[in-house]
Amino acid sequence: MHYVFEVTAKPGYTIEQYAEAWVRASELIQQAPSAQGTRLHRKIGDERTALAIATWENKAARDALAALLPERVQEIIQSQAPFVEIHFIGEFEAPEWEVLPPGGC
């Protein structure tokens, strides 16, 4: 299951500053047994925006952790709120259809 959201840094703040906090929070979150990784992608042509994708074993596991986030993770997330706008895109199942180039890259 993928949890996807877009982050836009407000004027005077950079996506790199957000990414530093995002890495700290993600390293803590990824200690959960159901966590399967997270990625932050910079938007091409927009240096202030990034797409975040967190992968989980399933929606129930992600929801359970979200309800019990460690205090340190909550502090990190809250520290970023004044500096970024978060747009939740959605929750997506693992791919049902996938086409890879020869060799499976």
PDB file of N, CA and C in Angstrom:
ATOM      1  N   MET A   1       0.851  -1.159   0.000  1.00  0.00           N
ATOM      2  CA  MET A   1       0.000   0.000   0.000  1.00  0.00           C
ATOM      3  C   MET A   1       0.904   1.232   0.000  1.00  0.00           C
ATOM      4  N   HIS A   2       0.547   2.215  -0.794  1.00  0.00           N
ATOM      5  CA  HIS A   2       1.334   3.446  -0.883  1.00  0.00           C
ATOM      6  C   HIS A   2       0.506   4.617  -0.366  1.00  0.00           C
ATOM      7  N   TYR A   3       1.106   5.418   0.488  1.00  0.00           N
ATOM      8  CA  TYR A   3       0.500   6.632   1.038  1.00  0.00           C
ATOM      9  C   TYR A   3       1.225   7.784   0.353  1.00  0.00           C
ATOM     10  N   VAL A   4       0.496   8.612  -0.416  1.00  0.00           N
ATOM     11  CA  VAL A   4       1.139   9.601  -1.283  1.00  0.00           C
ATOM     12  C   VAL A   4       0.662  11.011  -0.943  1.00  0.00           C
ATOM     13  N   PHE A   5       1.631  11.930  -0.814  1.00  0.00           N
ATOM     14  CA  PHE A   5       1.280  13.326  -0.588  1.00  0.00           C
ATOM     15  C   PHE A   5       2.312  14.238  -1.235  1.00  0.00           C
ATOM     16  N   GLU A   6       1.861  15.460  -1.554  1.00  0.00           N
ATOM     17  CA  GLU A   6       2.722  16.468  -2.165  1.00  0.00           C
ATOM     18  C   GLU A   6       3.037  17.529  -1.121  1.00  0.00           C
ATOM     19  N   VAL A   7       4.284  17.958  -1.091  1.00  0.00           N
ATOM     20  CA  VAL A   7       4.743  18.968  -0.144  1.00  0.00           C
ATOM     21  C   VAL A   7       5.265  20.164  -0.930  1.00  0.00           C
ATOM     22  N   THR A   8       4.805  21.362  -0.576  1.00  0.00           N
ATOM     23  CA  THR A   8       5.311  22.577  -1.197  1.00  0.00           C
ATOM     24  C   THR A   8       5.851  23.483  -0.107  1.00  0.00           C
ATOM     25  N   ALA A   9       7.117  23.860  -0.242  1.00  0.00           N
ATOM     26  CA  ALA A   9       7.752  24.765   0.715  1.00  0.00           C
ATOM     27  C   ALA A   9       7.216  26.174   0.505  1.00  0.00           C
ATOM     28  N   LYS A  10       6.896  26.839   1.597  1.00  0.00           N
ATOM     29  CA  LYS A  10       6.430  28.223   1.519  1.00  0.00           C
ATOM     30  C   LYS A  10       7.614  29.141   1.220  1.00  0.00           C
ATOM     31  N   PRO A  11       7.352  30.344   0.706  1.00  0.00           N
ATOM     32  CA  PRO A  11       8.445  31.283   0.411  1.00  0.00           C
ATOM     33  C   PRO A  11       9.351  31.480   1.635  1.00  0.00           C
ATOM     34  N   GLY A  12      10.653  31.502   1.372  1.00  0.00           N
ATOM     35  CA  GLY A  12      11.626  31.663   2.445  1.00  0.00           C
ATOM     36  C   GLY A  12      12.075  30.342   3.058  1.00  0.00           C
ATOM     37  N   TYR A  13      11.501  29.237   2.608  1.00  0.00           N
ATOM     38  CA  TYR A  13      11.857  27.911   3.111  1.00  0.00           C
ATOM     39  C   TYR A  13      12.169  27.046   1.900  1.00  0.00           C
ATOM     40  N   THR A  14      13.032  26.083   2.031  1.00  0.00           N
ATOM     41  CA  THR A  14      13.395  25.249   0.880  1.00  0.00           C
ATOM     42  C   THR A  14      12.932  23.815   1.091  1.00  0.00           C
ATOM     43  N   ILE A  15      12.790  23.112   0.001  1.00  0.00           N
ATOM     44  CA  ILE A  15      12.417  21.707   0.085  1.00  0.00           C
ATOM     45  C   ILE A  15      13.549  20.908   0.727  1.00  0.00           C
ATOM     46  N   GLU A  16      14.777  21.390   0.599  1.00  0.00           N
ATOM     47  CA  GLU A  16      15.901  20.720   1.269  1.00  0.00           C
ATOM     48  C   GLU A  16      15.763  20.803   2.787  1.00  0.00           C
ATOM     49  N   GLN A  17      15.301  21.939   3.283  1.00  0.00           N
ATOM     50  CA  GLN A  17      15.077  22.081   4.722  1.00  0.00           C
ATOM     51  C   GLN A  17      13.985  21.114   5.177  1.00  0.00           C
ATOM     52  N   TYR A  18      12.927  21.021   4.388  1.00  0.00           N
ATOM     53  CA  TYR A  18      11.872  20.070   4.719  1.00  0.00           C
ATOM     54  C   TYR A  18      12.422  18.642   4.675  1.00  0.00           C
ATOM     55  N   ALA A  19      13.194  18.326   3.649  1.00  0.00           N
ATOM     56  CA  ALA A  19      13.720  16.971   3.473  1.00  0.00           C
ATOM     57  C   ALA A  19      14.555  16.537   4.668  1.00  0.00           C
ATOM     58  N   GLU A  20      15.288  17.450   5.262  1.00  0.00           N
ATOM     59  CA  GLU A  20      16.105  17.102   6.435  1.00  0.00           C
ATOM     60  C   GLU A  20      15.203  16.616   7.567  1.00  0.00           C
ATOM     61  N   ALA A  21      14.114  17.311   7.812  1.00  0.00           N
ATOM     62  CA  ALA A  21      13.169  16.897   8.860  1.00  0.00           C
ATOM     63  C   ALA A  21      12.444  15.619   8.443  1.00  0.00           C
ATOM     64  N   TRP A  22      12.088  15.522   7.174  1.00  0.00           N
ATOM     65  CA  TRP A  22      11.395  14.346   6.663  1.00  0.00           C
ATOM     66  C   TRP A  22      12.236  13.087   6.858  1.00  0.00           C
ATOM     67  N   VAL A  23      13.543  13.182   6.605  1.00  0.00           N
ATOM     68  CA  VAL A  23      14.431  12.033   6.792  1.00  0.00           C
ATOM     69  C   VAL A  23      14.455  11.624   8.272  1.00  0.00           C
ATOM     70  N   ARG A  24      14.566  12.597   9.168  1.00  0.00           N
ATOM     71  CA  ARG A  24      14.587  12.267  10.608  1.00  0.00           C
ATOM     72  C   ARG A  24      13.309  11.552  11.028  1.00  0.00           C
ATOM     73  N   ALA A  25      12.163  12.070  10.604  1.00  0.00           N
ATOM     74  CA  ALA A  25      10.893  11.431  10.962  1.00  0.00           C
ATOM     75  C   ALA A  25      10.766  10.058  10.297  1.00  0.00           C
ATOM     76  N   SER A  26      11.148   9.970   9.030  1.00  0.00           N
ATOM     77  CA  SER A  26      11.037   8.705   8.303  1.00  0.00           C
ATOM     78  C   SER A  26      11.905   7.617   8.914  1.00  0.00           C
ATOM     79  N   GLU A  27      13.096   7.974   9.357  1.00  0.00           N
ATOM     80  CA  GLU A  27      13.974   6.971   9.983  1.00  0.00           C
ATOM     81  C   GLU A  27      13.325   6.371  11.228  1.00  0.00           C
ATOM     82  N   LEU A  28      12.584   7.167  11.971  1.00  0.00           N
ATOM     83  CA  LEU A  28      11.873   6.656  13.143  1.00  0.00           C
ATOM     84  C   LEU A  28      10.667   5.818  12.730  1.00  0.00           C
ATOM     85  N   ILE A  29       9.899   6.307  11.777  1.00  0.00           N
ATOM     86  CA  ILE A  29       8.708   5.592  11.324  1.00  0.00           C
ATOM     87  C   ILE A  29       9.074   4.245  10.716  1.00  0.00           C
ATOM     88  N   GLN A  30      10.180   4.189   9.999  1.00  0.00           N
ATOM     89  CA  GLN A  30      10.576   2.949   9.325  1.00  0.00           C
ATOM     90  C   GLN A  30      10.989   1.844  10.294  1.00  0.00           C
ATOM     91  N   GLN A  31      11.042   2.137  11.565  1.00  0.00           N
ATOM     92  CA  GLN A  31      11.326   1.099  12.570  1.00  0.00           C
ATOM     93  C   GLN A  31      10.106   0.229  12.838  1.00  0.00           C
ATOM     94  N   ALA A  32       8.931   0.665  12.382  1.00  0.00           N
ATOM     95  CA  ALA A  32       7.712  -0.128  12.541  1.00  0.00           C
ATOM     96  C   ALA A  32       7.807  -1.371  11.665  1.00  0.00           C
ATOM     97  N   PRO A  33       7.401  -2.525  12.175  1.00  0.00           N
ATOM     98  CA  PRO A  33       7.540  -3.762  11.397  1.00  0.00           C
ATOM     99  C   PRO A  33       6.777  -3.760  10.072  1.00  0.00           C
ATOM    100  N   SER A  34       5.710  -2.981   9.961  1.00  0.00           N
ATOM    101  CA  SER A  34       4.909  -2.970   8.733  1.00  0.00           C
ATOM    102  C   SER A  34       5.383  -1.950   7.702  1.00  0.00           C
ATOM    103  N   ALA A  35       6.349  -1.109   8.079  1.00  0.00           N
ATOM    104  CA  ALA A  35       6.866  -0.083   7.164  1.00  0.00           C
ATOM    105  C   ALA A  35       7.737  -0.740   6.099  1.00  0.00           C
ATOM    106  N   GLN A  36       7.587  -0.267   4.857  1.00  0.00           N
ATOM    107  CA  GLN A  36       8.341  -0.851   3.749  1.00  0.00           C
ATOM    108  C   GLN A  36       9.095   0.190   2.933  1.00  0.00           C
ATOM    109  N   GLY A  37       9.374   1.334   3.550  1.00  0.00           N
ATOM    110  CA  GLY A  37      10.191   2.339   2.881  1.00  0.00           C
ATOM    111  C   GLY A  37       9.416   3.593   2.538  1.00  0.00           C
ATOM    112  N   THR A  38      10.162   4.645   2.309  1.00  0.00           N
ATOM    113  CA  THR A  38       9.574   5.922   1.941  1.00  0.00           C
ATOM    114  C   THR A  38      10.535   6.646   1.006  1.00  0.00           C
ATOM    115  N   ARG A  39       9.967   7.434   0.095  1.00  0.00           N
ATOM    116  CA  ARG A  39      10.781   8.141  -0.896  1.00  0.00           C
ATOM    117  C   ARG A  39      10.250   9.563  -1.047  1.00  0.00           C
ATOM    118  N   LEU A  40      11.160  10.489  -1.287  1.00  0.00           N
ATOM    119  CA  LEU A  40      10.791  11.879  -1.522  1.00  0.00           C
ATOM    120  C   LEU A  40      11.355  12.273  -2.885  1.00  0.00           C
ATOM    121  N   HIS A  41      10.471  12.656  -3.796  1.00  0.00           N
ATOM    122  CA  HIS A  41      10.861  12.980  -5.169  1.00  0.00           C
ATOM    123  C   HIS A  41      10.685  14.471  -5.418  1.00  0.00           C
ATOM    124  N   ARG A  42      11.740  15.124  -5.869  1.00  0.00           N
ATOM    125  CA  ARG A  42      11.644  16.546  -6.218  1.00  0.00           C
ATOM    126  C   ARG A  42      10.869  16.677  -7.531  1.00  0.00           C
ATOM    127  N   LYS A  43       9.977  17.651  -7.594  1.00  0.00           N
ATOM    128  CA  LYS A  43       9.201  17.887  -8.803  1.00  0.00           C
ATOM    129  C   LYS A  43      10.075  18.576  -9.850  1.00  0.00           C
ATOM    130  N   ILE A  44      10.083  18.051 -11.041  1.00  0.00           N
ATOM    131  CA  ILE A  44      10.865  18.632 -12.128  1.00  0.00           C
ATOM    132  C   ILE A  44      10.284  20.001 -12.475  1.00  0.00           C
ATOM    133  N   GLY A  45      11.149  21.005 -12.516  1.00  0.00           N
ATOM    134  CA  GLY A  45      10.730  22.345 -12.882  1.00  0.00           C
ATOM    135  C   GLY A  45      10.133  23.154 -11.740  1.00  0.00           C
ATOM    136  N   ASP A  46      10.112  22.600 -10.525  1.00  0.00           N
ATOM    137  CA  ASP A  46       9.563  23.307  -9.373  1.00  0.00           C
ATOM    138  C   ASP A  46      10.404  22.964  -8.150  1.00  0.00           C
ATOM    139  N   GLU A  47      11.367  23.809  -7.846  1.00  0.00           N
ATOM    140  CA  GLU A  47      12.322  23.520  -6.774  1.00  0.00           C
ATOM    141  C   GLU A  47      11.712  23.557  -5.372  1.00  0.00           C
ATOM    142  N   ARG A  48      10.462  23.999  -5.255  1.00  0.00           N
ATOM    143  CA  ARG A  48       9.825  24.092  -3.940  1.00  0.00           C
ATOM    144  C   ARG A  48       8.876  22.934  -3.641  1.00  0.00           C
ATOM    145  N   THR A  49       8.704  22.007  -4.599  1.00  0.00           N
ATOM    146  CA  THR A  49       7.698  20.962  -4.429  1.00  0.00           C
ATOM    147  C   THR A  49       8.323  19.578  -4.524  1.00  0.00           C
ATOM    148  N   ALA A  50       7.795  18.666  -3.686  1.00  0.00           N
ATOM    149  CA  ALA A  50       8.247  17.278  -3.695  1.00  0.00           C
ATOM    150  C   ALA A  50       7.043  16.360  -3.518  1.00  0.00           C
ATOM    151  N   LEU A  51       7.186  15.159  -4.016  1.00  0.00           N
ATOM    152  CA  LEU A  51       6.180  14.122  -3.865  1.00  0.00           C
ATOM    153  C   LEU A  51       6.731  13.089  -2.898  1.00  0.00           C
ATOM    154  N   ALA A  52       5.969  12.781  -1.859  1.00  0.00           N
ATOM    155  CA  ALA A  52       6.379  11.782  -0.874  1.00  0.00           C
ATOM    156  C   ALA A  52       5.533  10.531  -1.056  1.00  0.00           C
ATOM    157  N   ILE A  53       6.210   9.390  -1.041  1.00  0.00           N
ATOM    158  CA  ILE A  53       5.532   8.103  -1.156  1.00  0.00           C
ATOM    159  C   ILE A  53       6.040   7.202  -0.046  1.00  0.00           C
ATOM    160  N   ALA A  54       5.140   6.824   0.850  1.00  0.00           N
ATOM    161  CA  ALA A  54       5.470   5.894   1.926  1.00  0.00           C
ATOM    162  C   ALA A  54       4.786   4.568   1.629  1.00  0.00           C
ATOM    163  N   THR A  55       5.531   3.492   1.738  1.00  0.00           N
ATOM    164  CA  THR A  55       5.002   2.169   1.422  1.00  0.00           C
ATOM    165  C   THR A  55       4.849   1.354   2.696  1.00  0.00           C
ATOM    166  N   TRP A  56       3.695   0.707   2.801  1.00  0.00           N
ATOM    167  CA  TRP A  56       3.345  -0.065   3.996  1.00  0.00           C
ATOM    168  C   TRP A  56       2.880  -1.457   3.601  1.00  0.00           C
ATOM    169  N   GLU A  57       2.952  -2.368   4.530  1.00  0.00           N
ATOM    170  CA  GLU A  57       2.474  -3.736   4.317  1.00  0.00           C
ATOM    171  C   GLU A  57       1.006  -3.723   3.887  1.00  0.00           C
ATOM    172  N   ASN A  58       0.200  -2.901   4.554  1.00  0.00           N
ATOM    173  CA  ASN A  58      -1.214  -2.758   4.206  1.00  0.00           C
ATOM    174  C   ASN A  58      -1.780  -1.508   4.881  1.00  0.00           C
ATOM    175  N   LYS A  59      -2.984  -1.134   4.506  1.00  0.00           N
ATOM    176  CA  LYS A  59      -3.609   0.084   5.034  1.00  0.00           C
ATOM    177  C   LYS A  59      -3.847  -0.010   6.542  1.00  0.00           C
ATOM    178  N   ALA A  60      -4.289  -1.140   7.010  1.00  0.00           N
ATOM    179  CA  ALA A  60      -4.561  -1.298   8.443  1.00  0.00           C
ATOM    180  C   ALA A  60      -3.298  -1.064   9.270  1.00  0.00           C
ATOM    181  N   ALA A  61      -2.168  -1.558   8.803  1.00  0.00           N
ATOM    182  CA  ALA A  61      -0.906  -1.370   9.528  1.00  0.00           C
ATOM    183  C   ALA A  61      -0.501   0.100   9.530  1.00  0.00           C
ATOM    184  N   ARG A  62      -0.671   0.771   8.405  1.00  0.00           N
ATOM    185  CA  ARG A  62      -0.338   2.194   8.323  1.00  0.00           C
ATOM    186  C   ARG A  62      -1.243   3.013   9.236  1.00  0.00           C
ATOM    187  N   ASP A  63      -2.538   2.722   9.211  1.00  0.00           N
ATOM    188  CA  ASP A  63      -3.483   3.449  10.049  1.00  0.00           C
ATOM    189  C   ASP A  63      -3.201   3.225  11.533  1.00  0.00           C
ATOM    190  N   ALA A  64      -2.831   2.006  11.894  1.00  0.00           N
ATOM    191  CA  ALA A  64      -2.531   1.701  13.298  1.00  0.00           C
ATOM    192  C   ALA A  64      -1.322   2.504  13.774  1.00  0.00           C
ATOM    193  N   LEU A  65      -0.301   2.595  12.955  1.00  0.00           N
ATOM    194  CA  LEU A  65       0.879   3.359  13.355  1.00  0.00           C
ATOM    195  C   LEU A  65       0.566   4.846  13.412  1.00  0.00           C
ATOM    196  N   ALA A  66      -0.205   5.335  12.459  1.00  0.00           N
ATOM    197  CA  ALA A  66      -0.535   6.768  12.430  1.00  0.00           C
ATOM    198  C   ALA A  66      -1.233   7.186  13.720  1.00  0.00           C
ATOM    199  N   ALA A  67      -2.030   6.306  14.288  1.00  0.00           N
ATOM    200  CA  ALA A  67      -2.748   6.616  15.528  1.00  0.00           C
ATOM    201  C   ALA A  67      -1.819   6.609  16.740  1.00  0.00           C
ATOM    202  N   LEU A  68      -0.658   5.976  16.599  1.00  0.00           N
ATOM    203  CA  LEU A  68       0.263   5.831  17.731  1.00  0.00           C
ATOM    204  C   LEU A  68       1.660   6.357  17.421  1.00  0.00           C
ATOM    205  N   LEU A  69       1.749   7.386  16.595  1.00  0.00           N
ATOM    206  CA  LEU A  69       3.066   7.918  16.233  1.00  0.00           C
ATOM    207  C   LEU A  69       3.851   8.289  17.482  1.00  0.00           C
ATOM    208  N   PRO A  70       5.108   7.913  17.518  1.00  0.00           N
ATOM    209  CA  PRO A  70       5.935   8.319  18.653  1.00  0.00           C
ATOM    210  C   PRO A  70       5.952   9.841  18.800  1.00  0.00           C
ATOM    211  N   GLU A  71       6.063  10.316  20.017  1.00  0.00           N
ATOM    212  CA  GLU A  71       6.040  11.752  20.286  1.00  0.00           C
ATOM    213  C   GLU A  71       7.089  12.496  19.478  1.00  0.00           C
ATOM    214  N   ARG A  72       8.275  11.927  19.338  1.00  0.00           N
ATOM    215  CA  ARG A  72       9.348  12.602  18.586  1.00  0.00           C
ATOM    216  C   ARG A  72       8.946  12.811  17.127  1.00  0.00           C
ATOM    217  N   VAL A  73       8.271  11.836  16.524  1.00  0.00           N
ATOM    218  CA  VAL A  73       7.817  11.968  15.135  1.00  0.00           C
ATOM    219  C   VAL A  73       6.777  13.079  15.049  1.00  0.00           C
ATOM    220  N   GLN A  74       5.846  13.115  15.972  1.00  0.00           N
ATOM    221  CA  GLN A  74       4.830  14.160  15.979  1.00  0.00           C
ATOM    222  C   GLN A  74       5.469  15.543  16.103  1.00  0.00           C
ATOM    223  N   GLU A  75       6.498  15.652  16.951  1.00  0.00           N
ATOM    224  CA  GLU A  75       7.197  16.933  17.110  1.00  0.00           C
ATOM    225  C   GLU A  75       7.849  17.372  15.807  1.00  0.00           C
ATOM    226  N   ILE A  76       8.478  16.434  15.109  1.00  0.00           N
ATOM    227  CA  ILE A  76       9.143  16.760  13.843  1.00  0.00           C
ATOM    228  C   ILE A  76       8.108  17.221  12.818  1.00  0.00           C
ATOM    229  N   ILE A  77       7.014  16.488  12.705  1.00  0.00           N
ATOM    230  CA  ILE A  77       5.966  16.847  11.747  1.00  0.00           C
ATOM    231  C   ILE A  77       5.391  18.218  12.070  1.00  0.00           C
ATOM    232  N   GLN A  78       5.079  18.456  13.324  1.00  0.00           N
ATOM    233  CA  GLN A  78       4.511  19.738  13.734  1.00  0.00           C
ATOM    234  C   GLN A  78       5.487  20.889  13.521  1.00  0.00           C
ATOM    235  N   SER A  79       6.781  20.621  13.653  1.00  0.00           N
ATOM    236  CA  SER A  79       7.772  21.681  13.464  1.00  0.00           C
ATOM    237  C   SER A  79       7.802  22.182  12.021  1.00  0.00           C
ATOM    238  N   GLN A  80       7.340  21.368  11.090  1.00  0.00           N
ATOM    239  CA  GLN A  80       7.360  21.724   9.669  1.00  0.00           C
ATOM    240  C   GLN A  80       6.087  22.424   9.210  1.00  0.00           C
ATOM    241  N   ALA A  81       5.011  22.290   9.969  1.00  0.00           N
ATOM    242  CA  ALA A  81       3.699  22.815   9.561  1.00  0.00           C
ATOM    243  C   ALA A  81       3.709  24.288   9.155  1.00  0.00           C
ATOM    244  N   PRO A  82       4.427  25.166   9.858  1.00  0.00           N
ATOM    245  CA  PRO A  82       4.399  26.576   9.453  1.00  0.00           C
ATOM    246  C   PRO A  82       5.128  26.861   8.138  1.00  0.00           C
ATOM    247  N   PHE A  83       5.944  25.922   7.686  1.00  0.00           N
ATOM    248  CA  PHE A  83       6.838  26.181   6.569  1.00  0.00           C
ATOM    249  C   PHE A  83       6.457  25.497   5.261  1.00  0.00           C
ATOM    250  N   VAL A  84       5.501  24.577   5.311  1.00  0.00           N
ATOM    251  CA  VAL A  84       5.124  23.829   4.114  1.00  0.00           C
ATOM    252  C   VAL A  84       3.614  23.686   4.009  1.00  0.00           C
ATOM    253  N   GLU A  85       3.175  23.437   2.799  1.00  0.00           N
ATOM    254  CA  GLU A  85       1.782  23.071   2.562  1.00  0.00           C
ATOM    255  C   GLU A  85       1.780  21.607   2.137  1.00  0.00           C
ATOM    256  N   ILE A  86       0.937  20.818   2.777  1.00  0.00           N
ATOM    257  CA  ILE A  86       0.848  19.392   2.482  1.00  0.00           C
ATOM    258  C   ILE A  86      -0.481  19.132   1.777  1.00  0.00           C
ATOM    259  N   HIS A  87      -0.408  18.471   0.642  1.00  0.00           N
ATOM    260  CA  HIS A  87      -1.616  18.083  -0.096  1.00  0.00           C
ATOM    261  C   HIS A  87      -1.642  16.560  -0.163  1.00  0.00           C
ATOM    262  N   PHE A  88      -2.573  15.957   0.574  1.00  0.00           N
ATOM    263  CA  PHE A  88      -2.731  14.507   0.559  1.00  0.00           C
ATOM    264  C   PHE A  88      -3.295  14.094  -0.795  1.00  0.00           C
ATOM    265  N   ILE A  89      -2.617  13.198  -1.483  1.00  0.00           N
ATOM    266  CA  ILE A  89      -3.073  12.741  -2.794  1.00  0.00           C
ATOM    267  C   ILE A  89      -3.936  11.495  -2.662  1.00  0.00           C
ATOM    268  N   GLY A  90      -3.482  10.545  -1.856  1.00  0.00           N
ATOM    269  CA  GLY A  90      -4.307   9.356  -1.657  1.00  0.00           C
ATOM    270  C   GLY A  90      -3.523   8.152  -1.194  1.00  0.00           C
ATOM    271  N   GLU A  91      -4.271   7.082  -0.995  1.00  0.00           N
ATOM    272  CA  GLU A  91      -3.712   5.792  -0.614  1.00  0.00           C
ATOM    273  C   GLU A  91      -3.942   4.842  -1.781  1.00  0.00           C
ATOM    274  N   PHE A  92      -2.897   4.113  -2.158  1.00  0.00           N
ATOM    275  CA  PHE A  92      -2.964   3.274  -3.350  1.00  0.00           C
ATOM    276  C   PHE A  92      -2.482   1.873  -3.028  1.00  0.00           C
ATOM    277  N   GLU A  93      -3.149   0.907  -3.609  1.00  0.00           N
ATOM    278  CA  GLU A  93      -2.724  -0.485  -3.475  1.00  0.00           C
ATOM    279  C   GLU A  93      -1.415  -0.698  -4.235  1.00  0.00           C
ATOM    280  N   ALA A  94      -0.733  -1.791  -3.926  1.00  0.00           N
ATOM    281  CA  ALA A  94       0.435  -2.181  -4.715  1.00  0.00           C
ATOM    282  C   ALA A  94      -0.042  -2.367  -6.158  1.00  0.00           C
ATOM    283  N   PRO A  95       0.834  -2.206  -7.141  1.00  0.00           N
ATOM    284  CA  PRO A  95       0.380  -2.264  -8.531  1.00  0.00           C
ATOM    285  C   PRO A  95      -0.252  -3.603  -8.897  1.00  0.00           C
ATOM    286  N   GLU A  96      -1.361  -3.512  -9.603  1.00  0.00           N
ATOM    287  CA  GLU A  96      -1.992  -4.710 -10.165  1.00  0.00           C
ATOM    288  C   GLU A  96      -1.443  -4.975 -11.559  1.00  0.00           C
ATOM    289  N   TRP A  97      -1.029  -3.906 -12.219  1.00  0.00           N
ATOM    290  CA  TRP A  97      -0.500  -4.012 -13.575  1.00  0.00           C
ATOM    291  C   TRP A  97       0.886  -3.393 -13.572  1.00  0.00           C
ATOM    292  N   GLU A  98       1.803  -4.083 -14.163  1.00  0.00           N
ATOM    293  CA  GLU A  98       3.172  -3.575 -14.189  1.00  0.00           C
ATOM    294  C   GLU A  98       3.845  -4.087 -15.446  1.00  0.00           C
ATOM    295  N   VAL A  99       4.479  -3.187 -16.168  1.00  0.00           N
ATOM    296  CA  VAL A  99       5.236  -3.555 -17.358  1.00  0.00           C
ATOM    297  C   VAL A  99       6.663  -3.037 -17.147  1.00  0.00           C
ATOM    298  N   LEU A 100       7.610  -3.932 -17.139  1.00  0.00           N
ATOM    299  CA  LEU A 100       9.014  -3.582 -16.942  1.00  0.00           C
ATOM    300  C   LEU A 100       9.793  -3.820 -18.220  1.00  0.00           C
ATOM    301  N   PRO A 101      10.900  -3.096 -18.401  1.00  0.00           N
ATOM    302  CA  PRO A 101      11.707  -3.349 -19.592  1.00  0.00           C
ATOM    303  C   PRO A 101      12.355  -4.733 -19.487  1.00  0.00           C
ATOM    304  N   PRO A 102      12.795  -5.259 -20.615  1.00  0.00           N
ATOM    305  CA  PRO A 102      13.479  -6.558 -20.585  1.00  0.00           C
ATOM    306  C   PRO A 102      14.597  -6.539 -19.539  1.00  0.00           C
ATOM    307  N   GLY A 103      14.682  -7.593 -18.787  1.00  0.00           N
ATOM    308  CA  GLY A 103      15.689  -7.669 -17.723  1.00  0.00           C
ATOM    309  C   GLY A 103      15.140  -7.237 -16.383  1.00  0.00           C
ATOM    310  N   GLY A 104      13.915  -6.701 -16.350  1.00  0.00           N
ATOM    311  CA  GLY A 104      13.255  -6.359 -15.102  1.00  0.00           C
ATOM    312  C   GLY A 104      13.804  -5.175 -14.337  1.00  0.00           C
ATOM    313  N   CYS A 105      14.406  -4.181 -15.013  1.00  0.00           N
ATOM    314  CA  CYS A 105      15.008  -3.029 -14.337  1.00  0.00           C
ATOM    315  C   CYS A 105      14.031  -2.290 -13.492  1.00  0.00           C
TER     316      CYS A 105
END
